[in-house]
């Protein structure tokens, strides 16, 4: 899970840098973070999502079950997707906590 999160974060950062230009991203880290928050996230690991004002990336949450060996069709076919929790149900609402990163 942590490798997938690192992949997702890095990919989104690189998309933001490409969007605003490498020189502008290098010159202003705060602007780069603002661009990342303004752009929707989307990757093969977590699908579509967004970075909220508090910095939390929200997306659907997937639950996987390990397959029985008889269910696997090839060497890396190990998991099957079971229920998916929609984004709006998976994360605490921004209004339900007092994050110091969120300006009132």
Protein backbone atom coordinates (compact mmCIF):
# COMPACT_ATOMS: atom_id res chain seq x y z
CA UNK A 1 0.00 0.00 0.00
CA UNK A 2 2.77 2.46 0.83
CA UNK A 3 4.48 1.80 -2.51
CA UNK A 4 1.21 2.48 -4.32
CA UNK A 5 0.76 5.71 -2.36
CA UNK A 6 4.30 6.83 -3.17
CA UNK A 7 3.74 6.05 -6.84
CA UNK A 8 0.45 7.97 -6.86
CA UNK A 9 1.91 11.00 -5.08
CA UNK A 10 5.00 11.16 -7.28
CA UNK A 11 2.98 10.78 -10.47
CA UNK A 12 0.64 13.59 -9.44
CA UNK A 13 3.58 15.83 -8.50
CA UNK A 14 5.19 15.20 -11.90
CA UNK A 15 1.90 16.00 -13.66
CA UNK A 16 1.71 19.30 -11.75
CA UNK A 17 5.33 20.13 -12.65
CA UNK A 18 4.62 19.35 -16.30
CA UNK A 19 1.46 21.47 -16.16
CA UNK A 20 3.14 24.55 -14.69
CA UNK A 21 6.64 24.10 -16.11
CA UNK A 22 9.70 22.75 -14.33
CA UNK A 23 11.29 26.16 -13.75
CA UNK A 24 8.14 27.59 -12.13
CA UNK A 25 7.70 24.48 -9.97
CA UNK A 26 11.33 24.61 -8.85
CA UNK A 27 11.09 28.32 -8.05
CA UNK A 28 7.98 28.11 -5.88
CA UNK A 29 7.14 25.00 -3.88
CA UNK A 30 3.98 26.56 -2.43
CA UNK A 31 2.69 27.25 -5.94
CA UNK A 32 3.46 23.65 -6.90
CA UNK A 33 1.43 22.35 -3.95
CA UNK A 34 -1.40 24.73 -4.85
CA UNK A 35 -1.36 23.40 -8.42
CA UNK A 36 -1.43 19.82 -7.13
CA UNK A 37 -4.50 20.67 -5.02
CA UNK A 38 -6.18 22.37 -7.98
CA UNK A 39 -5.65 19.42 -10.34
CA UNK A 40 -7.69 16.21 -10.04
CA UNK A 41 -5.69 13.09 -9.24
CA UNK A 42 -5.97 9.98 -11.41
CA UNK A 43 -3.76 6.92 -11.60
CA UNK A 44 -3.89 3.16 -12.00
CA UNK A 45 -3.59 2.50 -8.26
CA UNK A 46 -6.35 4.65 -6.78
CA UNK A 47 -8.33 5.97 -9.74
CA UNK A 48 -9.82 9.45 -9.79
CA UNK A 49 -9.58 11.65 -6.72
CA UNK A 50 -8.52 15.03 -5.44
CA UNK A 51 -6.27 16.64 -2.87
CA UNK A 52 -8.33 18.51 -0.33
CA UNK A 53 -7.44 21.86 1.22
CA UNK A 54 -5.99 20.03 4.25
CA UNK A 55 -3.61 18.06 2.02
CA UNK A 56 -5.41 14.70 2.25
CA UNK A 57 -5.80 12.92 -1.07
CA UNK A 58 -9.26 11.42 -1.23
CA UNK A 59 -10.35 8.65 -3.59
CA UNK A 60 -12.49 5.49 -3.54
CA UNK A 61 -11.17 2.87 -1.10
CA UNK A 62 -10.80 -0.68 -2.36
CA UNK A 63 -10.94 -3.90 -0.38
CA UNK A 64 -9.14 -6.88 -1.89
CA UNK A 65 -9.30 -10.53 -0.93
CA UNK A 66 -6.51 -13.00 -1.57
CA UNK A 67 -7.56 -15.52 -4.22
CA UNK A 68 -7.47 -19.23 -3.70
CA UNK A 69 -4.71 -20.80 -5.82
CA UNK A 70 -7.38 -22.39 -8.01
CA UNK A 71 -8.79 -18.92 -8.82
CA UNK A 72 -5.49 -17.49 -10.07
CA UNK A 73 -4.96 -17.51 -13.81
CA UNK A 74 -1.29 -16.47 -13.83
CA UNK A 75 1.62 -15.87 -11.45
CA UNK A 76 0.65 -12.36 -10.25
CA UNK A 77 -3.13 -12.91 -10.28
CA UNK A 78 -3.39 -12.92 -6.47
CA UNK A 79 -6.26 -10.64 -5.45
CA UNK A 80 -9.89 -10.08 -6.26
CA UNK A 81 -11.68 -6.81 -5.70
CA UNK A 82 -14.52 -7.04 -3.21
CA UNK A 83 -16.56 -4.01 -2.02
CA UNK A 84 -15.40 -0.52 -2.94
CA UNK A 85 -16.21 2.34 -0.59
CA UNK A 86 -17.11 5.52 -2.50
CA UNK A 87 -14.94 8.59 -1.88
CA UNK A 88 -17.67 10.50 -0.06
CA UNK A 89 -18.10 7.65 2.43
CA UNK A 90 -14.44 6.65 2.83
CA UNK A 91 -12.98 9.81 4.36
CA UNK A 92 -13.84 12.05 7.28
CA UNK A 93 -15.45 15.26 6.10
CA UNK A 94 -13.25 18.32 6.17
CA UNK A 95 -15.85 20.03 8.37
CA UNK A 96 -15.54 17.27 11.03
CA UNK A 97 -12.03 18.11 12.20
CA UNK A 98 -9.94 21.15 12.96
CA UNK A 99 -6.87 20.90 10.76
CA UNK A 100 -4.37 23.74 11.25
CA UNK A 101 -3.61 23.63 7.52
CA UNK A 102 -7.14 24.77 6.68
CA UNK A 103 -7.70 28.51 6.82
CA UNK A 104 -11.17 29.48 8.04
